Amino acid sequence: MRKVNLIWLNAAQTLGGALLLVACFLQFARAADVPRIEQEERDRMFFGTIDELTRRIGWEPLHSKQLAPSEFEVRIWIGFGLMPLEAFVLRRDDDRWIGQHVVDALKKSDVAVTRVTPRSGWNAIWKELQDLQILTLPDESTLTPPPENVLDGGAYVVEVKEGDRYRTYTYTNPEIREQPEAKKIVAISHVLDREFEQR
């Protein structure tokens, strides 16, 4: 009888472990699938607009643009929704910097592209932006959602490419968020406005 009980106990433990493993797998799959779907929706929403504007300007999308190992480029897109879309483009090849500011007036052909130079100099602005983690901020999908939903507002999409390495991250309405990462993307936009004398 004791042997039979041990057999049933071992079987129950094995079954319980298997069920626990299946439950963990399903939980992980659901957790992984939701951000993936949300990311696909955001990509369609934001990058459809970005790709259309880059096409009108005559630029190549950054994710497919070929860069030399010594080059890197950052594109900060601000606006979307009812707001005119604008972008700041910072590109460096070794020690040579190029800055551009793009403003879409929400018309099919009215896009302004201007060369810009920071008031404090490239070394100063780049140090400030690096201190704000412009290259390494996480995507907002990794943060706790805000307590309230905003039907309209602004969004920030940052693209970074260095050589053949590319990443992007997005923040929607970061002004209502309390996380330090959200505050940093707002601070980045303030630095760009100040240094390039926008608004």
C-alpha atoms as a PDB file:
ATOM      1  CA  MET A   1       0.000   0.000   0.000  1.00  0.00           C
ATOM      2  CA  ARG A   2       2.836   2.370   0.882  1.00  0.00           C
ATOM      3  CA  LYS A   3       4.438   1.648  -2.493  1.00  0.00           C
ATOM      4  CA  VAL A   4       1.180   2.425  -4.266  1.00  0.00           C
ATOM      5  CA  ASN A   5       0.850   5.701  -2.355  1.00  0.00           C
ATOM      6  CA  LEU A   6       4.409   6.659  -3.326  1.00  0.00           C
ATOM      7  CA  ILE A   7       3.626   5.921  -6.950  1.00  0.00           C
ATOM      8  CA  TRP A   8       0.505   8.106  -6.819  1.00  0.00           C
ATOM      9  CA  LEU A   9       2.464  10.848  -5.024  1.00  0.00           C
ATOM     10  CA  ASN A  10       5.217  10.789  -7.631  1.00  0.00           C
ATOM     11  CA  ALA A  11       2.643  10.834 -10.408  1.00  0.00           C
ATOM     12  CA  ALA A  12       0.814  13.749  -8.818  1.00  0.00           C
ATOM     13  CA  GLN A  13       4.052  15.665  -8.375  1.00  0.00           C
ATOM     14  CA  THR A  14       5.033  14.980 -11.983  1.00  0.00           C
ATOM     15  CA  LEU A  15       1.598  16.014 -13.250  1.00  0.00           C
ATOM     16  CA  GLY A  16       1.617  19.085 -11.034  1.00  0.00           C
ATOM     17  CA  GLY A  17       5.037  20.086 -12.321  1.00  0.00           C
ATOM     18  CA  ALA A  18       3.921  19.599 -15.894  1.00  0.00           C
ATOM     19  CA  LEU A  19       0.784  21.665 -15.345  1.00  0.00           C
ATOM     20  CA  LEU A  20       2.827  24.386 -13.658  1.00  0.00           C
ATOM     21  CA  LEU A  21       5.245  24.380 -16.591  1.00  0.00           C
ATOM     22  CA  VAL A  22       2.355  24.664 -19.069  1.00  0.00           C
ATOM     23  CA  ALA A  23       0.784  27.493 -17.048  1.00  0.00           C
ATOM     24  CA  CYS A  24       4.079  29.376 -16.941  1.00  0.00           C
ATOM     25  CA  PHE A  25       4.555  28.891 -20.669  1.00  0.00           C
ATOM     26  CA  LEU A  26       1.045  30.174 -21.454  1.00  0.00           C
ATOM     27  CA  GLN A  27       1.551  33.168 -19.180  1.00  0.00           C
ATOM     28  CA  PHE A  28       4.866  33.966 -20.850  1.00  0.00           C
ATOM     29  CA  ALA A  29       3.322  33.552 -24.304  1.00  0.00           C
ATOM     30  CA  ARG A  30       0.484  35.929 -23.458  1.00  0.00           C
ATOM     31  CA  ALA A  31       2.882  38.451 -21.945  1.00  0.00           C
ATOM     32  CA  ALA A  32       5.141  38.278 -24.978  1.00  0.00           C
ATOM     33  CA  ASP A  33       2.292  38.395 -27.481  1.00  0.00           C
ATOM     34  CA  VAL A  34       0.537  41.515 -26.191  1.00  0.00           C
ATOM     35  CA  PRO A  35       3.555  43.846 -26.535  1.00  0.00           C
ATOM     36  CA  ARG A  36       4.295  42.328 -29.953  1.00  0.00           C
ATOM     37  CA  ILE A  37       0.783  43.122 -31.194  1.00  0.00           C
ATOM     38  CA  GLU A  38       0.878  46.591 -29.648  1.00  0.00           C
ATOM     39  CA  GLN A  39       4.291  47.204 -31.214  1.00  0.00           C
ATOM     40  CA  GLU A  40       2.994  46.194 -34.645  1.00  0.00           C
ATOM     41  CA  GLU A  41       0.037  48.574 -34.269  1.00  0.00           C
ATOM     42  CA  ARG A  42       2.305  51.414 -33.183  1.00  0.00           C
ATOM     43  CA  ASP A  43       4.696  50.723 -36.040  1.00  0.00           C
ATOM     44  CA  ARG A  44       1.845  51.021 -38.523  1.00  0.00           C
ATOM     45  CA  MET A  45       0.530  54.172 -36.870  1.00  0.00           C
ATOM     46  CA  PHE A  46       3.800  56.071 -36.451  1.00  0.00           C
ATOM     47  CA  PHE A  47       6.116  54.673 -39.103  1.00  0.00           C
ATOM     48  CA  GLY A  48       3.489  54.920 -41.798  1.00  0.00           C
ATOM     49  CA  THR A  49       3.534  58.683 -41.203  1.00  0.00           C
ATOM     50  CA  ILE A  50       7.321  58.822 -40.849  1.00  0.00           C
ATOM     51  CA  ASP A  51       7.970  56.789 -43.995  1.00  0.00           C
ATOM     52  CA  GLU A  52       5.549  58.932 -45.987  1.00  0.00           C
ATOM     53  CA  LEU A  53       7.288  62.126 -44.892  1.00  0.00           C
ATOM     54  CA  THR A  54      10.770  60.765 -45.562  1.00  0.00           C
ATOM     55  CA  ARG A  55       9.603  59.753 -49.038  1.00  0.00           C
ATOM     56  CA  ARG A  56       8.323  63.272 -49.724  1.00  0.00           C
ATOM     57  CA  ILE A  57      11.640  64.747 -48.577  1.00  0.00           C
ATOM     58  CA  GLY A  58      13.590  62.295 -50.710  1.00  0.00           C
ATOM     59  CA  TRP A  59      15.308  60.597 -47.777  1.00  0.00           C
ATOM     60  CA  GLU A  60      15.859  56.917 -47.204  1.00  0.00           C
ATOM     61  CA  PRO A  61      14.219  55.355 -44.115  1.00  0.00           C
ATOM     62  CA  LEU A  62      16.836  55.167 -41.386  1.00  0.00           C
ATOM     63  CA  HIS A  63      16.318  51.464 -40.692  1.00  0.00           C
ATOM     64  CA  SER A  64      17.361  50.619 -44.278  1.00  0.00           C
ATOM     65  CA  LYS A  65      19.936  53.372 -44.770  1.00  0.00           C
ATOM     66  CA  GLN A  66      23.515  52.215 -45.241  1.00  0.00           C
ATOM     67  CA  LEU A  67      25.952  53.858 -42.825  1.00  0.00           C
ATOM     68  CA  ALA A  68      29.705  53.492 -42.614  1.00  0.00           C
ATOM     69  CA  PRO A  69      31.084  51.988 -39.377  1.00  0.00           C
ATOM     70  CA  SER A  70      32.268  55.480 -38.355  1.00  0.00           C
ATOM     71  CA  GLU A  71      28.808  57.043 -38.854  1.00  0.00           C
ATOM     72  CA  PHE A  72      25.759  57.263 -36.675  1.00  0.00           C
ATOM     73  CA  GLU A  73      22.464  59.088 -37.052  1.00  0.00           C
ATOM     74  CA  VAL A  74      19.640  59.963 -34.683  1.00  0.00           C
ATOM     75  CA  ARG A  75      16.193  61.063 -35.852  1.00  0.00           C
ATOM     76  CA  ILE A  76      13.794  62.469 -33.253  1.00  0.00           C
ATOM     77  CA  TRP A  77      10.217  62.705 -34.539  1.00  0.00           C
ATOM     78  CA  ILE A  78       7.780  64.871 -32.577  1.00  0.00           C
ATOM     79  CA  GLY A  79       4.081  65.481 -33.152  1.00  0.00           C
ATOM     80  CA  PHE A  80       1.670  63.067 -34.889  1.00  0.00           C
ATOM     81  CA  GLY A  81      -2.091  63.243 -34.443  1.00  0.00           C
ATOM     82  CA  LEU A  82      -3.415  66.751 -34.997  1.00  0.00           C
ATOM     83  CA  MET A  83       0.018  68.284 -34.467  1.00  0.00           C
ATOM     84  CA  PRO A  84       2.357  69.054 -37.384  1.00  0.00           C
ATOM     85  CA  LEU A  85       5.105  66.466 -37.534  1.00  0.00           C
ATOM     86  CA  GLU A  86       8.649  67.721 -37.054  1.00  0.00           C
ATOM     87  CA  ALA A  87      11.988  66.026 -36.782  1.00  0.00           C
ATOM     88  CA  PHE A  88      15.479  66.793 -35.601  1.00  0.00           C
ATOM     89  CA  VAL A  89      18.197  64.845 -37.366  1.00  0.00           C
ATOM     90  CA  LEU A  90      21.666  64.605 -35.845  1.00  0.00           C
ATOM     91  CA  ARG A  91      24.299  62.847 -37.907  1.00  0.00           C
ATOM     92  CA  ARG A  92      27.992  62.380 -37.181  1.00  0.00           C
ATOM     93  CA  ASP A  93      30.784  60.960 -39.306  1.00  0.00           C
ATOM     94  CA  ASP A  94      33.934  60.747 -37.183  1.00  0.00           C
ATOM     95  CA  ASP A  95      34.139  64.310 -35.780  1.00  0.00           C
ATOM     96  CA  ARG A  96      31.942  66.008 -38.381  1.00  0.00           C
ATOM     97  CA  TRP A  97      28.372  66.836 -37.350  1.00  0.00           C
ATOM     98  CA  ILE A  98      25.343  67.678 -39.499  1.00  0.00           C
ATOM     99  CA  GLY A  99      22.020  68.849 -38.069  1.00  0.00           C
ATOM    100  CA  GLN A 100      18.689  69.199 -39.854  1.00  0.00           C
ATOM    101  CA  HIS A 101      15.244  70.324 -38.783  1.00  0.00           C
ATOM    102  CA  VAL A 102      12.155  69.123 -40.633  1.00  0.00           C
ATOM    103  CA  VAL A 103       8.649  70.586 -40.304  1.00  0.00           C
ATOM    104  CA  ASP A 104       5.600  69.196 -42.090  1.00  0.00           C
ATOM    105  CA  ALA A 105       2.850  71.807 -42.447  1.00  0.00           C
ATOM    106  CA  LEU A 106       0.243  69.041 -42.911  1.00  0.00           C
ATOM    107  CA  LYS A 107       0.091  69.720 -46.645  1.00  0.00           C
ATOM    108  CA  LYS A 108       1.029  67.278 -49.357  1.00  0.00           C
ATOM    109  CA  SER A 109       4.041  69.245 -50.606  1.00  0.00           C
ATOM    110  CA  ASP A 110       4.789  71.823 -47.916  1.00  0.00           C
ATOM    111  CA  VAL A 111       7.749  70.402 -45.988  1.00  0.00           C
ATOM    112  CA  ALA A 112      10.519  72.655 -44.686  1.00  0.00           C
ATOM    113  CA  VAL A 113      14.002  71.174 -44.275  1.00  0.00           C
ATOM    114  CA  THR A 114      16.720  73.416 -42.850  1.00  0.00           C
ATOM    115  CA  ARG A 115      20.299  72.921 -41.722  1.00  0.00           C
ATOM    116  CA  VAL A 116      20.756  73.740 -38.043  1.00  0.00           C
ATOM    117  CA  THR A 117      23.671  74.232 -35.674  1.00  0.00           C
ATOM    118  CA  PRO A 118      23.315  74.132 -31.875  1.00  0.00           C
ATOM    119  CA  ARG A 119      23.852  77.380 -29.998  1.00  0.00           C
ATOM    120  CA  SER A 120      26.169  75.739 -27.438  1.00  0.00           C
ATOM    121  CA  GLY A 121      28.161  73.748 -29.982  1.00  0.00           C
ATOM    122  CA  TRP A 122      28.003  70.101 -30.934  1.00  0.00           C
ATOM    123  CA  ASN A 123      30.124  68.759 -28.097  1.00  0.00           C
ATOM    124  CA  ALA A 124      28.006  70.504 -25.460  1.00  0.00           C
ATOM    125  CA  ILE A 125      24.629  69.482 -26.841  1.00  0.00           C
ATOM    126  CA  TRP A 126      25.706  65.916 -27.450  1.00  0.00           C
ATOM    127  CA  LYS A 127      26.954  65.564 -23.869  1.00  0.00           C
ATOM    128  CA  GLU A 128      23.633  66.889 -22.580  1.00  0.00           C
ATOM    129  CA  LEU A 129      21.662  64.511 -24.780  1.00  0.00           C
ATOM    130  CA  GLN A 130      23.830  61.578 -23.740  1.00  0.00           C
ATOM    131  CA  ASP A 131      23.271  62.470 -20.081  1.00  0.00           C
ATOM    132  CA  LEU A 132      19.541  62.210 -20.854  1.00  0.00           C
ATOM    133  CA  GLN A 133      20.195  58.742 -22.373  1.00  0.00           C
ATOM    134  CA  ILE A 134      18.987  59.597 -25.860  1.00  0.00           C
ATOM    135  CA  LEU A 135      20.655  56.483 -27.279  1.00  0.00           C
ATOM    136  CA  THR A 136      19.549  54.031 -24.598  1.00  0.00           C
ATOM    137  CA  LEU A 137      16.130  55.059 -23.249  1.00  0.00           C
ATOM    138  CA  PRO A 138      13.745  52.092 -23.133  1.00  0.00           C
ATOM    139  CA  ASP A 139      10.530  51.962 -25.112  1.00  0.00           C
ATOM    140  CA  GLU A 140       7.424  53.082 -23.227  1.00  0.00           C
ATOM    141  CA  SER A 141       5.985  49.562 -23.563  1.00  0.00           C
ATOM    142  CA  THR A 142       8.409  48.475 -20.823  1.00  0.00           C
ATOM    143  CA  LEU A 143       6.954  51.025 -18.361  1.00  0.00           C
ATOM    144  CA  THR A 144       3.795  50.993 -16.275  1.00  0.00           C
ATOM    145  CA  PRO A 145       0.940  52.514 -18.311  1.00  0.00           C
ATOM    146  CA  PRO A 146      -0.212  55.993 -17.266  1.00  0.00           C
ATOM    147  CA  PRO A 147      -3.287  56.191 -14.977  1.00  0.00           C
ATOM    148  CA  GLU A 148      -5.330  58.079 -17.563  1.00  0.00           C
ATOM    149  CA  ASN A 149      -5.885  57.773 -21.290  1.00  0.00           C
ATOM    150  CA  VAL A 150      -5.473  60.784 -23.538  1.00  0.00           C
ATOM    151  CA  LEU A 151      -7.527  60.691 -26.712  1.00  0.00           C
ATOM    152  CA  ASP A 152      -5.194  63.048 -28.510  1.00  0.00           C
ATOM    153  CA  GLY A 153      -1.815  64.550 -27.850  1.00  0.00           C
ATOM    154  CA  GLY A 154       1.762  64.308 -28.938  1.00  0.00           C
ATOM    155  CA  ALA A 155       4.142  61.439 -29.456  1.00  0.00           C
ATOM    156  CA  TYR A 156       7.908  61.101 -29.687  1.00  0.00           C
ATOM    157  CA  VAL A 157       9.624  58.506 -31.858  1.00  0.00           C
ATOM    158  CA  VAL A 158      13.405  58.212 -31.715  1.00  0.00           C
ATOM    159  CA  GLU A 159      15.416  56.265 -34.267  1.00  0.00           C
ATOM    160  CA  VAL A 160      19.068  55.466 -33.689  1.00  0.00           C
ATOM    161  CA  LYS A 161      21.437  53.869 -36.168  1.00  0.00           C
ATOM    162  CA  GLU A 162      25.152  53.296 -35.722  1.00  0.00           C
ATOM    163  CA  GLY A 163      26.850  51.408 -38.531  1.00  0.00           C
ATOM    164  CA  ASP A 164      24.486  48.508 -39.202  1.00  0.00           C
ATOM    165  CA  ARG A 165      22.858  48.553 -35.738  1.00  0.00           C
ATOM    166  CA  TYR A 166      19.387  50.080 -35.518  1.00  0.00           C
ATOM    167  CA  ARG A 167      16.884  50.632 -32.714  1.00  0.00           C
ATOM    168  CA  THR A 168      13.827  52.762 -32.089  1.00  0.00           C
ATOM    169  CA  TYR A 169      11.662  53.705 -29.131  1.00  0.00           C
ATOM    170  CA  THR A 170       8.412  55.602 -28.685  1.00  0.00           C
ATOM    171  CA  TYR A 171       6.708  57.706 -26.011  1.00  0.00           C
ATOM    172  CA  THR A 172       3.111  58.906 -26.306  1.00  0.00           C
ATOM    173  CA  ASN A 173       2.061  61.862 -24.152  1.00  0.00           C
ATOM    174  CA  PRO A 174       5.082  61.536 -21.834  1.00  0.00           C
ATOM    175  CA  GLU A 175       4.126  64.818 -20.169  1.00  0.00           C
ATOM    176  CA  ILE A 176       1.455  63.007 -18.121  1.00  0.00           C
ATOM    177  CA  ARG A 177       3.831  60.265 -16.977  1.00  0.00           C
ATOM    178  CA  GLU A 178       5.816  60.321 -13.749  1.00  0.00           C
ATOM    179  CA  GLN A 179       8.547  57.871 -14.725  1.00  0.00           C
ATOM    180  CA  PRO A 180      12.030  59.382 -15.035  1.00  0.00           C
ATOM    181  CA  GLU A 181      12.371  57.888 -18.523  1.00  0.00           C
ATOM    182  CA  ALA A 182       9.322  59.825 -19.724  1.00  0.00           C
ATOM    183  CA  LYS A 183      10.629  63.016 -18.150  1.00  0.00           C
ATOM    184  CA  LYS A 184      13.915  62.504 -19.989  1.00  0.00           C
ATOM    185  CA  ILE A 185      12.313  62.362 -23.436  1.00  0.00           C
ATOM    186  CA  VAL A 186      10.483  65.612 -22.653  1.00  0.00           C
ATOM    187  CA  ALA A 187      13.778  67.127 -21.505  1.00  0.00           C
ATOM    188  CA  ILE A 188      15.408  65.975 -24.751  1.00  0.00           C
ATOM    189  CA  SER A 189      12.793  67.867 -26.767  1.00  0.00           C
ATOM    190  CA  HIS A 190      13.399  70.983 -24.647  1.00  0.00           C
ATOM    191  CA  VAL A 191      17.139  70.759 -25.280  1.00  0.00           C
ATOM    192  CA  LEU A 192      16.540  70.507 -29.026  1.00  0.00           C
ATOM    193  CA  ASP A 193      14.138  73.461 -29.006  1.00  0.00           C
ATOM    194  CA  ARG A 194      16.541  75.571 -26.969  1.00  0.00           C
ATOM    195  CA  GLU A 195      19.670  74.732 -28.908  1.00  0.00           C
ATOM    196  CA  PHE A 196      18.078  75.069 -32.333  1.00  0.00           C
ATOM    197  CA  GLU A 197      15.853  78.016 -31.299  1.00  0.00           C
ATOM    198  CA  GLN A 198      12.543  76.415 -32.165  1.00  0.00           C
ATOM    199  CA  ARG A 199       9.150  77.630 -30.940  1.00  0.00           C
END
